[in-house]
Amino acid sequence: MDTEVAAGPDDESEPPNPPRHYSTGRLTAAQARVLNRWRRQLTTTDPRWRTRGQRPPASSSDCLAAAVIDLLDHAEPDHLELIRYAARIRESMTATRGRDLPAVSVVSFYLPGDYADRLDTRLTAAQEHHHDLLAGARDRVLTELPGATNTAQALRMMSVVTELGVPPKVYKLPAGTIARLAIDRWARRSPTTVVAAAVGYARHHHEQAHRARSDMGIADT
């Protein structure tokens, strides 16, 4: 007797490398102001946008994704740049801890699978590089001061790490490290230019108009 195989709730197979979701983490006040300018531009009507409300068919997350992709394609940060930038962000967050959060404190976004792979690989490699730098610094100190006290070796270790310009501890580098670097890089671009890039990103990477929000027009079909 033939046996029918029940179809699953979704008969379509998932793409082999689907888009992945990321977050900026908490933004600095300056970065939040940049995002606010982008969001305001997304609510500005313009007849060139062929949508019902003449607003650009993109969202703030599209602005951020476009900025990240442009960074990865044209100014991909090296390991030391990421390590040092993440350290400055942590110091800034520590210095402002307890103060009021900016109006836009965290922004989420999606990256196409291939760009997500590049982002993840770059962050992991930077973290491993940081670990290797500290391991090398420890070896150097033990070679220079083989019979010294722990205190003397620790002081020398601090000096060597300062010379390297990296934190004395290896921290996990979240995706927000690159996202915030991308915001800083585009901070002086006009919001009009950023939104145009976001529309181009959305048109290329979104299969359908999505997330009908007050900051995004819906394209007429």
N, C-alpha and C. Protein backbone atom coordinates (compact mmCIF):
# COMPACT_ATOMS: atom_id res chain seq x y z
N MET A 1 0.86 -1.19 0.00
CA MET A 1 0.00 0.00 0.00
C MET A 1 0.89 1.24 0.00
N ASP A 2 0.53 2.17 -0.88
CA ASP A 2 1.32 3.39 -0.95
C ASP A 2 1.10 4.23 0.30
N THR A 3 2.15 4.86 0.76
CA THR A 3 2.05 5.72 1.94
C THR A 3 2.35 7.15 1.53
N GLU A 4 1.44 8.04 1.84
CA GLU A 4 1.65 9.45 1.50
C GLU A 4 2.51 10.10 2.58
N VAL A 5 3.44 10.89 2.16
CA VAL A 5 4.27 11.64 3.10
C VAL A 5 3.66 13.00 3.29
N ALA A 6 3.34 13.31 4.53
CA ALA A 6 2.69 14.60 4.82
C ALA A 6 3.66 15.73 4.56
N ALA A 7 3.16 16.74 3.89
CA ALA A 7 4.00 17.90 3.62
C ALA A 7 4.16 18.72 4.89
N GLY A 8 5.32 19.31 5.05
CA GLY A 8 5.56 20.17 6.22
C GLY A 8 4.82 21.46 6.08
N PRO A 9 4.85 22.30 7.13
CA PRO A 9 4.12 23.56 7.09
C PRO A 9 4.63 24.50 6.01
N ASP A 10 5.89 24.32 5.61
CA ASP A 10 6.46 25.16 4.56
C ASP A 10 7.24 24.26 3.63
N ASP A 11 6.72 24.07 2.43
CA ASP A 11 7.32 23.12 1.51
C ASP A 11 8.57 23.67 0.84
N GLU A 12 8.83 24.98 1.01
CA GLU A 12 9.97 25.58 0.37
C GLU A 12 11.20 25.38 1.24
N SER A 13 12.28 24.95 0.62
CA SER A 13 13.51 24.75 1.38
C SER A 13 14.16 26.10 1.66
N GLU A 14 14.82 26.18 2.81
CA GLU A 14 15.49 27.42 3.20
C GLU A 14 16.75 27.60 2.37
N PRO A 15 17.08 28.85 1.99
CA PRO A 15 18.31 29.08 1.23
C PRO A 15 19.52 28.53 1.98
N PRO A 16 20.54 28.08 1.28
CA PRO A 16 21.71 27.49 1.94
C PRO A 16 22.44 28.45 2.87
N ASN A 17 22.39 29.74 2.59
CA ASN A 17 23.08 30.72 3.42
C ASN A 17 22.17 31.94 3.61
N PRO A 18 21.15 31.81 4.46
CA PRO A 18 20.15 32.87 4.59
C PRO A 18 20.70 34.11 5.28
N PRO A 19 20.00 35.23 5.17
CA PRO A 19 20.42 36.45 5.87
C PRO A 19 20.48 36.20 7.38
N ARG A 20 21.34 36.96 8.04
CA ARG A 20 21.48 36.80 9.49
C ARG A 20 21.23 38.13 10.20
N HIS A 21 20.66 38.01 11.38
CA HIS A 21 20.26 39.18 12.16
C HIS A 21 21.39 39.61 13.10
N TYR A 22 21.61 40.92 13.18
CA TYR A 22 22.63 41.48 14.07
C TYR A 22 22.07 42.69 14.80
N SER A 23 22.83 43.15 15.77
CA SER A 23 22.46 44.35 16.52
C SER A 23 23.70 45.22 16.71
N THR A 24 23.48 46.52 16.79
CA THR A 24 24.60 47.43 17.02
C THR A 24 25.11 47.34 18.45
N GLY A 25 24.27 46.85 19.38
CA GLY A 25 24.60 47.07 20.78
C GLY A 25 24.29 48.53 21.11
N ARG A 26 24.51 48.93 22.34
CA ARG A 26 24.18 50.31 22.74
C ARG A 26 25.08 51.30 22.03
N LEU A 27 24.45 52.28 21.41
CA LEU A 27 25.18 53.30 20.66
C LEU A 27 25.66 54.42 21.57
N THR A 28 26.70 55.11 21.12
CA THR A 28 27.09 56.34 21.80
C THR A 28 26.07 57.42 21.44
N ALA A 29 26.08 58.51 22.18
CA ALA A 29 25.14 59.60 21.90
C ALA A 29 25.37 60.15 20.49
N ALA A 30 26.63 60.26 20.08
CA ALA A 30 26.93 60.79 18.74
C ALA A 30 26.41 59.85 17.66
N GLN A 31 26.58 58.55 17.85
CA GLN A 31 26.08 57.58 16.87
C GLN A 31 24.56 57.60 16.81
N ALA A 32 23.93 57.75 17.96
CA ALA A 32 22.46 57.82 17.98
C ALA A 32 21.96 59.04 17.22
N ARG A 33 22.68 60.14 17.33
CA ARG A 33 22.27 61.35 16.57
C ARG A 33 22.37 61.11 15.08
N VAL A 34 23.39 60.38 14.65
CA VAL A 34 23.53 60.05 13.23
C VAL A 34 22.34 59.21 12.77
N LEU A 35 22.00 58.18 13.56
CA LEU A 35 20.86 57.32 13.20
C LEU A 35 19.56 58.12 13.18
N ASN A 36 19.41 59.07 14.09
CA ASN A 36 18.20 59.88 14.11
C ASN A 36 18.07 60.72 12.84
N ARG A 37 19.21 61.21 12.34
CA ARG A 37 19.16 61.98 11.08
C ARG A 37 18.71 61.08 9.94
N TRP A 38 19.21 59.86 9.92
CA TRP A 38 18.80 58.92 8.87
C TRP A 38 17.32 58.61 8.98
N ARG A 39 16.84 58.41 10.18
CA ARG A 39 15.42 58.08 10.38
C ARG A 39 14.52 59.24 9.96
N ARG A 40 14.93 60.45 10.26
CA ARG A 40 14.12 61.61 9.85
C ARG A 40 14.03 61.69 8.33
N GLN A 41 15.15 61.40 7.66
CA GLN A 41 15.13 61.44 6.20
C GLN A 41 14.21 60.37 5.63
N LEU A 42 14.08 59.26 6.33
CA LEU A 42 13.20 58.18 5.88
C LEU A 42 11.73 58.57 5.92
N THR A 43 11.40 59.61 6.68
CA THR A 43 10.01 60.07 6.77
C THR A 43 9.73 61.24 5.84
N THR A 44 10.75 61.68 5.11
CA THR A 44 10.60 62.82 4.20
C THR A 44 10.03 62.37 2.86
N THR A 45 8.98 63.04 2.43
CA THR A 45 8.36 62.66 1.16
C THR A 45 9.16 63.23 0.00
N ASP A 46 9.19 62.47 -1.08
CA ASP A 46 9.94 62.86 -2.28
C ASP A 46 9.28 62.15 -3.46
N PRO A 47 8.86 62.92 -4.49
CA PRO A 47 8.16 62.30 -5.63
C PRO A 47 8.98 61.26 -6.38
N ARG A 48 10.29 61.26 -6.21
CA ARG A 48 11.09 60.25 -6.92
C ARG A 48 10.86 58.86 -6.37
N TRP A 49 10.36 58.77 -5.12
CA TRP A 49 10.05 57.46 -4.56
C TRP A 49 8.64 57.08 -4.97
N ARG A 50 8.53 56.07 -5.78
CA ARG A 50 7.22 55.68 -6.32
C ARG A 50 6.51 54.78 -5.33
N THR A 51 6.18 55.37 -4.20
CA THR A 51 5.43 54.66 -3.17
C THR A 51 4.15 55.44 -2.89
N ARG A 52 3.25 54.83 -2.17
CA ARG A 52 1.96 55.49 -1.91
C ARG A 52 2.14 56.79 -1.12
N GLY A 53 3.06 56.79 -0.18
CA GLY A 53 3.28 58.00 0.63
C GLY A 53 4.46 58.82 0.17
N GLN A 54 5.07 58.43 -0.96
CA GLN A 54 6.25 59.10 -1.51
C GLN A 54 7.40 59.14 -0.51
N ARG A 55 7.44 58.10 0.32
CA ARG A 55 8.56 57.95 1.22
C ARG A 55 9.46 56.84 0.70
N PRO A 56 10.75 56.87 1.01
CA PRO A 56 11.67 55.87 0.49
C PRO A 56 11.32 54.47 0.97
N PRO A 57 11.31 53.48 0.06
CA PRO A 57 10.99 52.09 0.44
C PRO A 57 12.19 51.41 1.10
N ALA A 58 12.51 51.89 2.29
CA ALA A 58 13.63 51.34 3.05
C ALA A 58 13.40 51.66 4.52
N SER A 59 14.18 51.04 5.38
CA SER A 59 14.05 51.26 6.81
C SER A 59 15.40 51.66 7.39
N SER A 60 15.40 52.02 8.67
CA SER A 60 16.66 52.38 9.31
C SER A 60 17.62 51.20 9.34
N SER A 61 17.11 49.97 9.45
CA SER A 61 18.00 48.81 9.42
C SER A 61 18.64 48.65 8.04
N ASP A 62 17.92 49.06 6.98
CA ASP A 62 18.51 49.02 5.64
C ASP A 62 19.64 50.04 5.51
N CYS A 63 19.46 51.21 6.13
CA CYS A 63 20.55 52.21 6.14
C CYS A 63 21.80 51.62 6.77
N LEU A 64 21.59 50.96 7.89
CA LEU A 64 22.74 50.40 8.61
C LEU A 64 23.38 49.25 7.84
N ALA A 65 22.55 48.38 7.26
CA ALA A 65 23.10 47.27 6.47
C ALA A 65 23.89 47.79 5.28
N ALA A 66 23.38 48.84 4.62
CA ALA A 66 24.09 49.41 3.48
C ALA A 66 25.43 49.98 3.92
N ALA A 67 25.47 50.61 5.09
CA ALA A 67 26.72 51.17 5.60
C ALA A 67 27.73 50.07 5.92
N VAL A 68 27.25 48.98 6.51
CA VAL A 68 28.14 47.87 6.86
C VAL A 68 28.70 47.21 5.61
N ILE A 69 27.85 46.99 4.61
CA ILE A 69 28.31 46.36 3.37
C ILE A 69 29.34 47.25 2.67
N ASP A 70 29.10 48.55 2.67
CA ASP A 70 30.05 49.46 2.04
C ASP A 70 31.39 49.43 2.78
N LEU A 71 31.35 49.32 4.10
CA LEU A 71 32.58 49.22 4.88
C LEU A 71 33.34 47.94 4.53
N LEU A 72 32.63 46.83 4.47
CA LEU A 72 33.29 45.55 4.17
C LEU A 72 33.85 45.53 2.75
N ASP A 73 33.18 46.20 1.83
CA ASP A 73 33.63 46.18 0.43
C ASP A 73 34.76 47.16 0.14
N HIS A 74 34.77 48.30 0.85
CA HIS A 74 35.70 49.37 0.45
C HIS A 74 36.66 49.83 1.54
N ALA A 75 36.44 49.44 2.77
CA ALA A 75 37.33 49.90 3.85
C ALA A 75 37.37 48.88 4.98
N GLU A 76 37.50 47.62 4.61
CA GLU A 76 37.44 46.55 5.61
C GLU A 76 38.52 46.77 6.67
N PRO A 77 38.14 46.89 7.94
CA PRO A 77 39.12 47.19 8.99
C PRO A 77 40.04 46.01 9.25
N ASP A 78 41.31 46.32 9.57
CA ASP A 78 42.23 45.24 9.91
C ASP A 78 42.05 44.85 11.37
N HIS A 79 42.80 43.85 11.81
CA HIS A 79 42.60 43.30 13.15
C HIS A 79 42.85 44.33 14.24
N LEU A 80 43.96 45.05 14.13
CA LEU A 80 44.28 46.03 15.17
C LEU A 80 43.26 47.16 15.21
N GLU A 81 42.78 47.58 14.05
CA GLU A 81 41.77 48.63 14.03
C GLU A 81 40.52 48.19 14.78
N LEU A 82 40.09 46.97 14.57
CA LEU A 82 38.90 46.47 15.27
C LEU A 82 39.14 46.35 16.77
N ILE A 83 40.29 45.81 17.16
CA ILE A 83 40.61 45.65 18.58
C ILE A 83 40.62 46.99 19.29
N ARG A 84 41.30 47.96 18.69
CA ARG A 84 41.43 49.27 19.32
C ARG A 84 40.12 50.05 19.30
N TYR A 85 39.35 49.91 18.22
CA TYR A 85 38.06 50.60 18.15
C TYR A 85 37.11 50.04 19.20
N ALA A 86 37.06 48.72 19.34
CA ALA A 86 36.19 48.11 20.35
C ALA A 86 36.59 48.57 21.75
N ALA A 87 37.89 48.73 21.98
CA ALA A 87 38.36 49.20 23.29
C ALA A 87 37.88 50.62 23.56
N ARG A 88 37.94 51.47 22.54
CA ARG A 88 37.47 52.86 22.72
C ARG A 88 35.97 52.90 23.00
N ILE A 89 35.21 52.04 22.32
CA ILE A 89 33.76 51.99 22.56
C ILE A 89 33.48 51.54 23.99
N ARG A 90 34.19 50.51 24.47
CA ARG A 90 33.98 50.05 25.85
C ARG A 90 34.31 51.15 26.84
N GLU A 91 35.39 51.89 26.59
CA GLU A 91 35.76 52.99 27.49
C GLU A 91 34.69 54.08 27.49
N SER A 92 34.15 54.37 26.30
CA SER A 92 33.10 55.38 26.19
C SER A 92 31.84 54.95 26.93
N MET A 93 31.47 53.68 26.79
CA MET A 93 30.29 53.18 27.47
C MET A 93 30.48 53.19 28.99
N THR A 94 31.69 52.86 29.44
CA THR A 94 31.97 52.88 30.88
C THR A 94 31.90 54.30 31.42
N ALA A 95 32.42 55.26 30.65
CA ALA A 95 32.44 56.65 31.10
C ALA A 95 31.04 57.24 31.21
N THR A 96 30.11 56.75 30.38
CA THR A 96 28.75 57.31 30.37
C THR A 96 27.75 56.42 31.09
N ARG A 97 28.24 55.39 31.76
CA ARG A 97 27.33 54.47 32.45
C ARG A 97 26.52 55.22 33.51
N GLY A 98 25.23 54.95 33.57
CA GLY A 98 24.37 55.59 34.54
C GLY A 98 23.68 56.84 34.03
N ARG A 99 24.13 57.35 32.89
CA ARG A 99 23.47 58.52 32.31
C ARG A 99 22.29 58.07 31.47
N ASP A 100 21.48 59.05 31.06
CA ASP A 100 20.32 58.73 30.23
C ASP A 100 20.78 58.16 28.89
N LEU A 101 20.06 57.14 28.41
CA LEU A 101 20.37 56.55 27.11
C LEU A 101 19.89 57.47 26.00
N PRO A 102 20.57 57.48 24.86
CA PRO A 102 20.09 58.28 23.73
C PRO A 102 18.76 57.75 23.22
N ALA A 103 18.07 58.56 22.43
CA ALA A 103 16.74 58.18 21.95
C ALA A 103 16.76 56.88 21.16
N VAL A 104 17.79 56.69 20.34
CA VAL A 104 17.94 55.44 19.59
C VAL A 104 19.17 54.74 20.16
N SER A 105 18.96 53.79 21.06
CA SER A 105 20.10 53.20 21.76
C SER A 105 20.61 51.93 21.10
N VAL A 106 19.74 51.16 20.43
CA VAL A 106 20.13 49.91 19.79
C VAL A 106 19.38 49.80 18.46
N VAL A 107 20.08 49.40 17.42
CA VAL A 107 19.45 49.21 16.12
C VAL A 107 19.79 47.82 15.61
N SER A 108 18.81 47.09 15.12
CA SER A 108 19.05 45.77 14.56
C SER A 108 19.06 45.86 13.04
N PHE A 109 19.69 44.88 12.42
CA PHE A 109 19.76 44.86 10.97
C PHE A 109 20.07 43.44 10.51
N TYR A 110 19.82 43.19 9.21
CA TYR A 110 20.12 41.90 8.60
C TYR A 110 21.21 42.08 7.56
N LEU A 111 22.06 41.06 7.43
CA LEU A 111 23.06 41.04 6.36
C LEU A 111 22.84 39.80 5.51
N PRO A 112 23.02 39.91 4.20
CA PRO A 112 22.99 38.71 3.35
C PRO A 112 24.03 37.71 3.86
N GLY A 113 23.77 36.43 3.60
CA GLY A 113 24.61 35.38 4.16
C GLY A 113 26.09 35.53 3.86
N ASP A 114 26.44 35.93 2.62
CA ASP A 114 27.86 36.03 2.28
C ASP A 114 28.54 37.15 3.05
N TYR A 115 27.84 38.27 3.22
CA TYR A 115 28.42 39.37 4.00
C TYR A 115 28.45 39.03 5.49
N ALA A 116 27.44 38.29 5.96
CA ALA A 116 27.45 37.85 7.35
C ALA A 116 28.65 36.96 7.63
N ASP A 117 28.98 36.09 6.68
CA ASP A 117 30.16 35.24 6.83
C ASP A 117 31.42 36.09 6.94
N ARG A 118 31.52 37.09 6.10
CA ARG A 118 32.70 37.96 6.12
C ARG A 118 32.81 38.72 7.44
N LEU A 119 31.68 39.22 7.91
CA LEU A 119 31.69 39.96 9.17
C LEU A 119 32.12 39.05 10.33
N ASP A 120 31.51 37.87 10.41
CA ASP A 120 31.84 36.95 11.50
C ASP A 120 33.30 36.51 11.45
N THR A 121 33.78 36.22 10.24
CA THR A 121 35.17 35.78 10.08
C THR A 121 36.14 36.87 10.48
N ARG A 122 35.85 38.11 10.09
CA ARG A 122 36.73 39.23 10.41
C ARG A 122 36.80 39.46 11.91
N LEU A 123 35.68 39.38 12.59
CA LEU A 123 35.66 39.59 14.04
C LEU A 123 36.38 38.46 14.78
N THR A 124 36.15 37.22 14.36
CA THR A 124 36.81 36.08 15.01
C THR A 124 38.32 36.16 14.80
N ALA A 125 38.74 36.52 13.60
CA ALA A 125 40.18 36.62 13.31
C ALA A 125 40.83 37.72 14.15
N ALA A 126 40.13 38.84 14.33
CA ALA A 126 40.68 39.94 15.14
C ALA A 126 40.83 39.51 16.59
N GLN A 127 39.84 38.79 17.09
CA GLN A 127 39.91 38.30 18.47
C GLN A 127 41.07 37.32 18.64
N GLU A 128 41.26 36.44 17.68
CA GLU A 128 42.39 35.50 17.74
C GLU A 128 43.72 36.22 17.64
N HIS A 129 43.77 37.26 16.82
CA HIS A 129 44.99 38.05 16.70
C HIS A 129 45.34 38.72 18.03
N HIS A 130 44.33 39.22 18.72
CA HIS A 130 44.53 39.83 20.03
C HIS A 130 45.12 38.81 21.01
N HIS A 131 44.56 37.61 20.99
CA HIS A 131 45.07 36.54 21.85
C HIS A 131 46.54 36.23 21.53
N ASP A 132 46.87 36.17 20.24
CA ASP A 132 48.24 35.88 19.83
C ASP A 132 49.19 37.00 20.26
N LEU A 133 48.74 38.24 20.18
CA LEU A 133 49.58 39.36 20.60
C LEU A 133 49.92 39.27 22.08
N LEU A 134 48.92 38.95 22.90
CA LEU A 134 49.16 38.85 24.33
C LEU A 134 50.05 37.65 24.66
N ALA A 135 49.86 36.55 23.95
CA ALA A 135 50.71 35.38 24.16
C ALA A 135 52.16 35.72 23.81
N GLY A 136 52.35 36.44 22.71
CA GLY A 136 53.69 36.86 22.32
C GLY A 136 54.31 37.80 23.34
N ALA A 137 53.47 38.69 23.90
CA ALA A 137 53.97 39.61 24.92
C ALA A 137 54.42 38.85 26.16
N ARG A 138 53.66 37.83 26.56
CA ARG A 138 54.06 37.03 27.73
C ARG A 138 55.38 36.31 27.47
N ASP A 139 55.53 35.74 26.28
CA ASP A 139 56.78 35.06 25.94
C ASP A 139 57.95 36.04 25.96
N ARG A 140 57.72 37.23 25.48
CA ARG A 140 58.78 38.25 25.46
C ARG A 140 59.21 38.61 26.88
N VAL A 141 58.25 38.77 27.77
CA VAL A 141 58.57 39.13 29.15
C VAL A 141 59.34 38.01 29.84
N LEU A 142 58.93 36.77 29.62
CA LEU A 142 59.62 35.64 30.24
C LEU A 142 61.05 35.51 29.71
N THR A 143 61.25 35.86 28.45
CA THR A 143 62.59 35.82 27.88
C THR A 143 63.47 36.93 28.43
N GLU A 144 62.88 38.13 28.59
CA GLU A 144 63.64 39.28 29.09
C GLU A 144 63.93 39.17 30.59
N LEU A 145 62.96 38.65 31.33
CA LEU A 145 63.08 38.62 32.80
C LEU A 145 62.82 37.21 33.32
N PRO A 146 63.68 36.26 32.98
CA PRO A 146 63.40 34.86 33.36
C PRO A 146 63.40 34.59 34.86
N GLY A 147 64.20 35.32 35.62
CA GLY A 147 64.26 35.06 37.06
C GLY A 147 63.65 36.14 37.91
N ALA A 148 62.92 37.07 37.28
CA ALA A 148 62.35 38.19 38.01
C ALA A 148 61.13 37.77 38.82
N THR A 149 60.75 38.61 39.76
CA THR A 149 59.56 38.36 40.57
C THR A 149 58.31 38.49 39.72
N ASN A 150 57.22 37.94 40.21
CA ASN A 150 55.94 38.05 39.49
C ASN A 150 55.55 39.51 39.31
N THR A 151 55.84 40.32 40.33
CA THR A 151 55.50 41.74 40.24
C THR A 151 56.27 42.42 39.13
N ALA A 152 57.57 42.13 39.06
CA ALA A 152 58.40 42.73 38.02
C ALA A 152 57.95 42.29 36.63
N GLN A 153 57.61 41.01 36.50
CA GLN A 153 57.14 40.52 35.21
C GLN A 153 55.79 41.14 34.83
N ALA A 154 54.92 41.29 35.84
CA ALA A 154 53.60 41.88 35.57
C ALA A 154 53.74 43.33 35.12
N LEU A 155 54.64 44.08 35.77
CA LEU A 155 54.86 45.48 35.38
C LEU A 155 55.43 45.56 33.96
N ARG A 156 56.36 44.66 33.64
CA ARG A 156 56.92 44.65 32.30
C ARG A 156 55.86 44.25 31.27
N MET A 157 54.99 43.32 31.64
CA MET A 157 53.90 42.90 30.76
C MET A 157 52.99 44.08 30.45
N MET A 158 52.67 44.87 31.45
CA MET A 158 51.83 46.04 31.24
C MET A 158 52.49 47.03 30.28
N SER A 159 53.81 47.16 30.42
CA SER A 159 54.54 48.07 29.54
C SER A 159 54.53 47.58 28.10
N VAL A 160 54.75 46.28 27.90
CA VAL A 160 54.76 45.72 26.55
C VAL A 160 53.38 45.84 25.91
N VAL A 161 52.33 45.54 26.67
CA VAL A 161 50.97 45.63 26.14
C VAL A 161 50.63 47.07 25.77
N THR A 162 51.09 48.02 26.57
CA THR A 162 50.88 49.43 26.25
C THR A 162 51.56 49.80 24.94
N GLU A 163 52.77 49.27 24.73
CA GLU A 163 53.48 49.50 23.46
C GLU A 163 52.67 48.96 22.28
N LEU A 164 52.02 47.83 22.47
CA LEU A 164 51.23 47.22 21.39
C LEU A 164 49.96 48.01 21.12
N GLY A 165 49.49 48.75 22.12
CA GLY A 165 48.27 49.53 21.94
C GLY A 165 47.00 48.71 21.93
N VAL A 166 46.99 47.62 22.72
CA VAL A 166 45.80 46.77 22.80
C VAL A 166 45.43 46.58 24.28
N PRO A 167 44.18 46.23 24.57
CA PRO A 167 43.79 45.96 25.95
C PRO A 167 44.54 44.76 26.52
N PRO A 168 44.76 44.72 27.83
CA PRO A 168 45.48 43.60 28.44
C PRO A 168 44.65 42.33 28.56
N LYS A 169 43.38 42.41 28.15
CA LYS A 169 42.48 41.25 28.21
C LYS A 169 41.80 41.10 26.87
N VAL A 170 41.62 39.84 26.44
CA VAL A 170 40.93 39.58 25.17
C VAL A 170 39.42 39.59 25.41
N TYR A 171 38.73 40.42 24.67
CA TYR A 171 37.28 40.51 24.76
C TYR A 171 36.66 39.95 23.49
N LYS A 172 35.46 39.40 23.64
CA LYS A 172 34.70 38.97 22.46
C LYS A 172 34.30 40.22 21.69
N LEU A 173 34.46 40.19 20.38
CA LEU A 173 34.10 41.32 19.54
C LEU A 173 32.73 41.06 18.91
N PRO A 174 31.69 41.75 19.37
CA PRO A 174 30.36 41.53 18.79
C PRO A 174 30.22 42.18 17.43
N ALA A 175 29.17 41.82 16.72
CA ALA A 175 28.92 42.39 15.39
C ALA A 175 28.75 43.90 15.46
N GLY A 176 28.27 44.39 16.60
CA GLY A 176 28.10 45.83 16.76
C GLY A 176 29.38 46.61 16.61
N THR A 177 30.53 45.95 16.79
CA THR A 177 31.81 46.63 16.61
C THR A 177 31.93 47.17 15.18
N ILE A 178 31.66 46.32 14.21
CA ILE A 178 31.74 46.74 12.81
C ILE A 178 30.57 47.66 12.45
N ALA A 179 29.40 47.39 13.01
CA ALA A 179 28.24 48.24 12.72
C ALA A 179 28.47 49.67 13.19
N ARG A 180 29.00 49.83 14.39
CA ARG A 180 29.24 51.18 14.90
C ARG A 180 30.37 51.87 14.14
N LEU A 181 31.36 51.08 13.72
CA LEU A 181 32.43 51.65 12.89
C LEU A 181 31.85 52.14 11.56
N ALA A 182 30.89 51.40 11.02
CA ALA A 182 30.25 51.81 9.76
C ALA A 182 29.44 53.09 9.95
N ILE A 183 28.78 53.22 11.09
CA ILE A 183 28.03 54.46 11.38
C ILE A 183 28.98 55.64 11.43
N ASP A 184 30.08 55.48 12.13
CA ASP A 184 31.07 56.57 12.23
C ASP A 184 31.59 56.96 10.85
N ARG A 185 31.83 55.96 10.02
CA ARG A 185 32.38 56.22 8.69
C ARG A 185 31.41 57.00 7.82
N TRP A 186 30.11 56.75 7.98
CA TRP A 186 29.10 57.44 7.18
C TRP A 186 28.50 58.65 7.90
N ALA A 187 29.05 59.02 9.04
CA ALA A 187 28.44 60.07 9.85
C ALA A 187 28.32 61.40 9.12
N ARG A 188 29.29 61.69 8.22
CA ARG A 188 29.28 62.98 7.53
C ARG A 188 28.59 62.92 6.17
N ARG A 189 28.10 61.77 5.81
CA ARG A 189 27.35 61.68 4.56
C ARG A 189 25.98 62.33 4.76
N SER A 190 25.48 62.93 3.70
CA SER A 190 24.15 63.53 3.82
C SER A 190 23.12 62.43 4.01
N PRO A 191 22.10 62.66 4.83
CA PRO A 191 21.05 61.66 5.02
C PRO A 191 20.40 61.25 3.70
N THR A 192 20.32 62.18 2.75
CA THR A 192 19.74 61.86 1.44
C THR A 192 20.56 60.78 0.74
N THR A 193 21.88 60.90 0.80
CA THR A 193 22.76 59.92 0.18
C THR A 193 22.64 58.57 0.88
N VAL A 194 22.57 58.60 2.20
CA VAL A 194 22.46 57.35 2.96
C VAL A 194 21.16 56.63 2.63
N VAL A 195 20.06 57.38 2.59
CA VAL A 195 18.76 56.76 2.32
C VAL A 195 18.72 56.20 0.90
N ALA A 196 19.32 56.90 -0.05
CA ALA A 196 19.38 56.38 -1.42
C ALA A 196 20.14 55.05 -1.45
N ALA A 197 21.23 54.95 -0.68
CA ALA A 197 21.98 53.69 -0.60
C ALA A 197 21.13 52.61 0.05
N ALA A 198 20.34 52.98 1.05
CA ALA A 198 19.48 52.02 1.72
C ALA A 198 18.41 51.48 0.78
N VAL A 199 17.85 52.36 -0.04
CA VAL A 199 16.84 51.93 -1.02
C VAL A 199 17.47 50.96 -2.02
N GLY A 200 18.68 51.29 -2.46
CA GLY A 200 19.38 50.39 -3.38
C GLY A 200 19.65 49.04 -2.75
N TYR A 201 20.05 49.05 -1.47
CA TYR A 201 20.29 47.80 -0.75
C TYR A 201 18.99 46.99 -0.66
N ALA A 202 17.90 47.66 -0.25
CA ALA A 202 16.62 46.96 -0.09
C ALA A 202 16.13 46.39 -1.41
N ARG A 203 16.29 47.16 -2.48
CA ARG A 203 15.83 46.69 -3.79
C ARG A 203 16.60 45.45 -4.23
N HIS A 204 17.88 45.40 -3.90
CA HIS A 204 18.72 44.30 -4.35
C HIS A 204 18.57 43.06 -3.48
N HIS A 205 18.36 43.26 -2.18
CA HIS A 205 18.42 42.13 -1.25
C HIS A 205 17.07 41.68 -0.71
N HIS A 206 16.03 42.51 -0.81
CA HIS A 206 14.71 42.10 -0.31
C HIS A 206 13.87 41.55 -1.45
N GLU A 207 13.25 40.42 -1.21
CA GLU A 207 12.40 39.83 -2.24
C GLU A 207 11.03 40.50 -2.29
N GLN A 208 10.63 41.14 -1.21
CA GLN A 208 9.34 41.83 -1.19
C GLN A 208 9.40 42.98 -0.21
N ALA A 209 8.50 43.94 -0.39
CA ALA A 209 8.43 45.04 0.57
C ALA A 209 8.10 44.46 1.94
N HIS A 210 8.73 44.96 2.97
CA HIS A 210 8.56 44.35 4.28
C HIS A 210 8.55 45.41 5.37
N ARG A 211 8.16 45.01 6.55
CA ARG A 211 8.17 45.84 7.76
C ARG A 211 7.55 47.22 7.48
N ALA A 212 6.24 47.22 7.25
CA ALA A 212 5.55 48.47 6.96
C ALA A 212 5.51 49.34 8.21
N ARG A 213 6.47 50.26 8.33
CA ARG A 213 6.57 51.11 9.49
C ARG A 213 6.50 52.56 9.07
N SER A 214 6.42 53.44 10.06
CA SER A 214 6.29 54.86 9.75
C SER A 214 7.53 55.42 9.07
N ASP A 215 8.67 54.71 9.14
CA ASP A 215 9.88 55.24 8.50
C ASP A 215 10.17 54.52 7.18
N MET A 216 9.19 53.84 6.62
CA MET A 216 9.45 53.12 5.38
C MET A 216 8.23 53.15 4.48
N GLY A 217 8.40 53.61 3.25
CA GLY A 217 7.33 53.54 2.27
C GLY A 217 7.20 52.14 1.71
N ILE A 218 6.05 51.83 1.17
CA ILE A 218 5.81 50.51 0.56
C ILE A 218 5.64 50.72 -0.95
N ALA A 219 6.48 50.04 -1.70
CA ALA A 219 6.48 50.23 -3.15
C ALA A 219 5.16 49.77 -3.75
N ASP A 220 4.67 50.54 -4.71
CA ASP A 220 3.47 50.14 -5.44
C ASP A 220 3.81 48.96 -6.36
N THR A 221 2.91 47.99 -6.43
CA THR A 221 3.15 46.81 -7.26
C THR A 221 2.09 46.72 -8.36
